[in-house]
Every structure is written in C-alpha cells, then in structure tokens.
C-alpha atoms as a PDB file:
ATOM      1  CA  MET A   1       7.208 -10.741  -6.981  1.00  0.00           C
ATOM      2  CA  SER A   2       5.767  -7.249  -6.711  1.00  0.00           C
ATOM      3  CA  ILE A   3       2.549  -6.348  -8.516  1.00  0.00           C
ATOM      4  CA  VAL A   4       2.207  -2.642  -7.700  1.00  0.00           C
ATOM      5  CA  GLN A   5       3.825  -0.213  -5.243  1.00  0.00           C
ATOM      6  CA  ASN A   6       2.579   3.027  -3.721  1.00  0.00           C
ATOM      7  CA  ARG A   7       5.674   5.241  -4.053  1.00  0.00           C
ATOM      8  CA  LYS A   8       3.754   8.342  -3.095  1.00  0.00           C
ATOM      9  CA  ALA A   9       3.091   6.887   0.367  1.00  0.00           C
ATOM     10  CA  TYR A  10       6.781   7.173   1.234  1.00  0.00           C
ATOM     11  CA  PHE A  11       6.739  10.816   0.141  1.00  0.00           C
ATOM     12  CA  ASN A  12       3.586  11.819   2.040  1.00  0.00           C
ATOM     13  CA  TYR A  13       4.083   9.691   5.169  1.00  0.00           C
ATOM     14  CA  GLU A  14       6.875   8.669   7.487  1.00  0.00           C
ATOM     15  CA  ILE A  15       6.447   4.890   7.697  1.00  0.00           C
ATOM     16  CA  LEU A  16       7.008   3.656  11.258  1.00  0.00           C
ATOM     17  CA  GLU A  17       6.080  -0.031  10.934  1.00  0.00           C
ATOM     18  CA  LYS A  18       5.150  -2.457   8.157  1.00  0.00           C
ATOM     19  CA  PHE A  19       2.729  -5.376   8.257  1.00  0.00           C
ATOM     20  CA  GLU A  20       1.776  -8.158   5.854  1.00  0.00           C
ATOM     21  CA  ALA A  21      -1.868  -9.027   5.271  1.00  0.00           C
ATOM     22  CA  GLY A  22      -3.909 -11.240   2.998  1.00  0.00           C
ATOM     23  CA  ILE A  23      -6.857  -9.847   1.031  1.00  0.00           C
ATOM     24  CA  VAL A  24     -10.271 -11.439   0.532  1.00  0.00           C
ATOM     25  CA  LEU A  25     -10.797 -11.351  -3.246  1.00  0.00           C
ATOM     26  CA  ARG A  26     -13.119 -12.918  -5.792  1.00  0.00           C
ATOM     27  CA  GLY A  27     -11.780 -15.074  -8.621  1.00  0.00           C
ATOM     28  CA  ASN A  28     -12.198 -12.543 -11.399  1.00  0.00           C
ATOM     29  CA  GLU A  29     -10.483  -9.895  -9.214  1.00  0.00           C
ATOM     30  CA  VAL A  30      -7.420 -12.123  -8.884  1.00  0.00           C
ATOM     31  CA  LYS A  31      -7.297 -12.554 -12.660  1.00  0.00           C
ATOM     32  CA  SER A  32      -7.555  -8.809 -13.136  1.00  0.00           C
ATOM     33  CA  ILE A  33      -4.720  -8.231 -10.622  1.00  0.00           C
ATOM     34  CA  ARG A  34      -2.567 -10.766 -12.470  1.00  0.00           C
ATOM     35  CA  ASN A  35      -3.101  -8.664 -15.610  1.00  0.00           C
ATOM     36  CA  GLY A  36      -1.960  -5.568 -13.693  1.00  0.00           C
ATOM     37  CA  HIS A  37      -5.313  -3.758 -13.589  1.00  0.00           C
ATOM     38  CA  VAL A  38      -5.067  -2.513  -9.996  1.00  0.00           C
ATOM     39  CA  GLN A  39      -4.451   0.926  -8.465  1.00  0.00           C
ATOM     40  CA  ILE A  40      -3.517   1.577  -4.832  1.00  0.00           C
ATOM     41  CA  GLY A  41      -2.511   5.253  -4.984  1.00  0.00           C
ATOM     42  CA  ASP A  42      -5.249   6.454  -2.620  1.00  0.00           C
ATOM     43  CA  ALA A  43      -5.775   3.205  -0.693  1.00  0.00           C
ATOM     44  CA  PHE A  44      -5.951   3.214   3.089  1.00  0.00           C
ATOM     45  CA  VAL A  45      -6.996   0.817   5.860  1.00  0.00           C
ATOM     46  CA  THR A  46      -9.648   1.248   8.548  1.00  0.00           C
ATOM     47  CA  LEU A  47     -10.235  -0.887  11.612  1.00  0.00           C
ATOM     48  CA  LYS A  48     -13.890  -1.592  12.493  1.00  0.00           C
ATOM     49  CA  GLU A  49     -15.263  -4.065  15.033  1.00  0.00           C
ATOM     50  CA  GLY A  50     -12.040  -6.065  15.229  1.00  0.00           C
ATOM     51  CA  GLU A  51     -11.620  -6.346  11.453  1.00  0.00           C
ATOM     52  CA  ALA A  52      -9.398  -4.522   8.969  1.00  0.00           C
ATOM     53  CA  TRP A  53     -10.873  -3.133   5.738  1.00  0.00           C
ATOM     54  CA  ILE A  54      -9.090  -1.662   2.728  1.00  0.00           C
ATOM     55  CA  HIS A  55     -10.686   1.358   1.003  1.00  0.00           C
ATOM     56  CA  ASN A  56     -10.078   3.053  -2.380  1.00  0.00           C
ATOM     57  CA  MET A  57      -8.171   0.164  -3.932  1.00  0.00           C
ATOM     58  CA  THR A  58      -9.422   0.003  -7.512  1.00  0.00           C
ATOM     59  CA  ILE A  59      -9.437  -3.342  -9.310  1.00  0.00           C
ATOM     60  CA  GLN A  60     -10.759  -2.982 -12.846  1.00  0.00           C
ATOM     61  CA  PRO A  61     -13.268  -5.670 -13.894  1.00  0.00           C
ATOM     62  CA  TYR A  62     -11.816  -8.669 -15.704  1.00  0.00           C
ATOM     63  CA  ASP A  63     -12.878  -8.264 -19.331  1.00  0.00           C
ATOM     64  CA  LYS A  64     -13.428 -11.963 -20.101  1.00  0.00           C
ATOM     65  CA  THR A  65     -15.937 -12.510 -17.285  1.00  0.00           C
ATOM     66  CA  SER A  66     -19.545 -12.828 -18.408  1.00  0.00           C
ATOM     67  CA  HIS A  67     -21.220 -13.120 -14.998  1.00  0.00           C
ATOM     68  CA  TYR A  68     -21.405 -10.849 -11.927  1.00  0.00           C
ATOM     69  CA  GLN A  69     -18.729  -8.146 -11.773  1.00  0.00           C
ATOM     70  CA  PRO A  70     -18.188  -6.623  -8.303  1.00  0.00           C
ATOM     71  CA  ASP A  71     -17.811  -2.888  -7.746  1.00  0.00           C
ATOM     72  CA  PRO A  72     -14.194  -1.933  -8.633  1.00  0.00           C
ATOM     73  CA  THR A  73     -13.777   0.270  -5.542  1.00  0.00           C
ATOM     74  CA  ARG A  74     -15.615  -1.846  -2.966  1.00  0.00           C
ATOM     75  CA  MET A  75     -14.192  -2.328   0.530  1.00  0.00           C
ATOM     76  CA  ARG A  76     -12.141  -5.497   0.838  1.00  0.00           C
ATOM     77  CA  LYS A  77     -11.434  -7.364   4.041  1.00  0.00           C
ATOM     78  CA  LEU A  78      -7.824  -7.824   5.132  1.00  0.00           C
ATOM     79  CA  LEU A  79      -6.717 -11.009   6.828  1.00  0.00           C
ATOM     80  CA  ILE A  80      -4.633 -10.060   9.863  1.00  0.00           C
ATOM     81  CA  ARG A  81      -4.268 -11.870  13.193  1.00  0.00           C
ATOM     82  CA  LYS A  82      -6.467 -10.608  16.042  1.00  0.00           C
ATOM     83  CA  ASP A  83      -3.508  -9.699  18.271  1.00  0.00           C
ATOM     84  CA  GLN A  84      -2.035  -7.547  15.504  1.00  0.00           C
ATOM     85  CA  ILE A  85      -5.402  -5.844  14.946  1.00  0.00           C
ATOM     86  CA  ARG A  86      -5.694  -5.027  18.662  1.00  0.00           C
ATOM     87  CA  ARG A  87      -2.181  -3.582  18.633  1.00  0.00           C
ATOM     88  CA  LEU A  88      -2.931  -1.535  15.499  1.00  0.00           C
ATOM     89  CA  ILE A  89      -6.138  -0.149  17.016  1.00  0.00           C
ATOM     90  CA  GLY A  90      -4.104   1.174  19.938  1.00  0.00           C
ATOM     91  CA  LYS A  91      -1.490   2.698  17.628  1.00  0.00           C
ATOM     92  CA  VAL A  92      -4.002   4.319  15.248  1.00  0.00           C
ATOM     93  CA  GLN A  93      -5.770   6.030  18.143  1.00  0.00           C
ATOM     94  CA  GLU A  94      -2.539   7.955  18.748  1.00  0.00           C
ATOM     95  CA  LYS A  95      -2.497  11.409  17.182  1.00  0.00           C
ATOM     96  CA  GLY A  96      -1.646  11.575  13.493  1.00  0.00           C
ATOM     97  CA  LEU A  97      -1.091   7.862  12.764  1.00  0.00           C
ATOM     98  CA  THR A  98      -2.817   6.096   9.883  1.00  0.00           C
ATOM     99  CA  LEU A  99      -2.610   2.821   7.963  1.00  0.00           C
ATOM    100  CA  ILE A 100      -1.553   3.111   4.317  1.00  0.00           C
ATOM    101  CA  VAL A 101      -1.326   0.445   1.628  1.00  0.00           C
ATOM    102  CA  LEU A 102       2.322   0.295   0.491  1.00  0.00           C
ATOM    103  CA  SER A 103       2.347  -2.526  -2.052  1.00  0.00           C
ATOM    104  CA  LEU A 104       0.672  -5.633  -3.443  1.00  0.00           C
ATOM    105  CA  TYR A 105       2.747  -8.715  -4.193  1.00  0.00           C
ATOM    106  CA  TYR A 106       2.569 -12.461  -4.707  1.00  0.00           C
ATOM    107  CA  LYS A 107       3.632 -14.838  -1.978  1.00  0.00           C
ATOM    108  CA  GLN A 108       3.564 -18.284  -3.538  1.00  0.00           C
ATOM    109  CA  ALA A 109       0.162 -18.294  -5.281  1.00  0.00           C
ATOM    110  CA  LEU A 110      -1.520 -15.762  -2.967  1.00  0.00           C
ATOM    111  CA  VAL A 111      -1.942 -12.004  -3.346  1.00  0.00           C
ATOM    112  CA  LYS A 112      -0.597 -10.229  -0.250  1.00  0.00           C
ATOM    113  CA  CYS A 113      -0.769  -6.618   0.818  1.00  0.00           C
ATOM    114  CA  GLU A 114       1.914  -4.686   2.679  1.00  0.00           C
ATOM    115  CA  ILE A 115       0.442  -2.018   4.918  1.00  0.00           C
ATOM    116  CA  GLY A 116       2.369   0.599   6.798  1.00  0.00           C
ATOM    117  CA  LEU A 117       1.689   2.509   9.970  1.00  0.00           C
ATOM    118  CA  GLY A 118       2.519   6.055   8.958  1.00  0.00           C
ATOM    119  CA  LYS A 119       2.602   9.565  10.308  1.00  0.00           C
ATOM    120  CA  GLY A 120       1.801  12.377   7.879  1.00  0.00           C
ATOM    121  CA  LYS A 121       4.710  14.588   6.850  1.00  0.00           C
ATOM    122  CA  LYS A 122       4.527  18.355   6.989  1.00  0.00           C
ATOM    123  CA  ASN A 123       5.441  20.452   3.937  1.00  0.00           C
ATOM    124  CA  PHE A 124       8.916  21.236   5.251  1.00  0.00           C
ATOM    125  CA  ASP A 125       9.549  17.510   5.797  1.00  0.00           C
ATOM    126  CA  LYS A 126       8.597  16.873   2.165  1.00  0.00           C
ATOM    127  CA  ARG A 127      10.993  19.595   1.022  1.00  0.00           C
ATOM    128  CA  ASP A 128      13.764  18.005   3.081  1.00  0.00           C
ATOM    129  CA  SER A 129      13.004  14.636   1.470  1.00  0.00           C
ATOM    130  CA  LEU A 130      13.201  16.156  -2.017  1.00  0.00           C
ATOM    131  CA  LYS A 131      16.444  17.972  -1.150  1.00  0.00           C
ATOM    132  CA  LYS A 132      18.048  14.779   0.193  1.00  0.00           C
ATOM    133  CA  LYS A 133      16.900  12.822  -2.860  1.00  0.00           C
ATOM    134  CA  THR A 134      18.379  15.461  -5.205  1.00  0.00           C
ATOM    135  CA  LEU A 135      21.698  15.529  -3.332  1.00  0.00           C
ATOM    136  CA  ASP A 136      21.934  11.726  -3.401  1.00  0.00           C
ATOM    137  CA  ARG A 137      21.227  11.724  -7.137  1.00  0.00           C
ATOM    138  CA  GLU A 138      23.903  14.370  -7.785  1.00  0.00           C
ATOM    139  CA  ALA A 139      26.416  12.484  -5.647  1.00  0.00           C
ATOM    140  CA  ALA A 140      25.739   9.290  -7.590  1.00  0.00           C
ATOM    141  CA  ARG A 141      26.277  11.134 -10.872  1.00  0.00           C
ATOM    142  CA  GLY A 142      29.519  12.574  -9.543  1.00  0.00           C
ATOM    143  CA  PHE A 143      30.830   9.143  -8.580  1.00  0.00           C
ATOM    144  CA  LYS A 144      29.815   7.766 -11.952  1.00  0.00           C
ATOM    145  CA  GLY A 145      31.840  10.520 -13.698  1.00  0.00           C
ATOM    146  CA  ILE A 146      34.941   9.727 -11.605  1.00  0.00           C
ATOM    147  CA  VAL A 147      34.814   5.991 -12.335  1.00  0.00           C
ATOM    148  CA  SER A 148      34.302   6.379 -16.083  1.00  0.00           C
END
C-alpha cells in the first residue's frame, strides 16, 4: 500500500535502477506517516562511510505527542545491505548519477522506501517526455471516442 510517491522524480530524472530500503524512524514519526504527514518531493540519498542517509524528507510532528519531537527534516538512516551499498557507491561516482527517493509504502507493518538510481534529464529530454505524454493522452481520448 503506497503512502506517498515522488512523481516529479520521473520527470526530472531517467531512472536506471530501483532499490528497496527500510528507514530508521521513531515511534511518533511512524504515527505521523500513517496520518499522511510526509513530503518527499526534494528528498535524496547520500552514501557516507558505508551507510545510506536520506535528506530533505519532511515528516511533520505528530500532534498528539507530548514529549520530545525530533526535527522534521533531520537525516534518517536507510537500512540497505552492505553489498548493495558498495555497488551503489561505485555507480554514484559515475558522472551524473544520483539517488532519488521515489516512494514510501507499507510492507506488512513496516514503512519502506523505494530509491532510484537516476540520471538527470536535460531540458530537451523533458520536452520530449511532455510531448510523448500529450500524444498518449490524445490517443487514449481518440480510442475512447471510437468505442463510445
């Protein structure tokens, strides 16, 4: 079950590979995510000292918590296997590749994160994407008119 998706990532980046990762969260953060108070529009992943960290993911504080509230934009650790991290470090060092957060979702009772290895699109690539999307939409409308 999907919680939130980063649709803009598919527009700004060409996604080459996708990975699944767990996130280290506090209890009140999980409750806030369950209420839908999370934003991943600008979220990205960095790799430091053999660990993966997620930046710019905003989780609004849970309103019914009376004790310590963590910083909404703090860095959160991702749980990925060491062999995958080593492979990602090699890929990210290539020119123009970055790790982007694509979506958050539930897997059983856990909150999981889908990250993508992406290459930034140029402006003309974005225009081509918009053109293709428009043509597909018009074609679908045309087929709908024929069937009706």
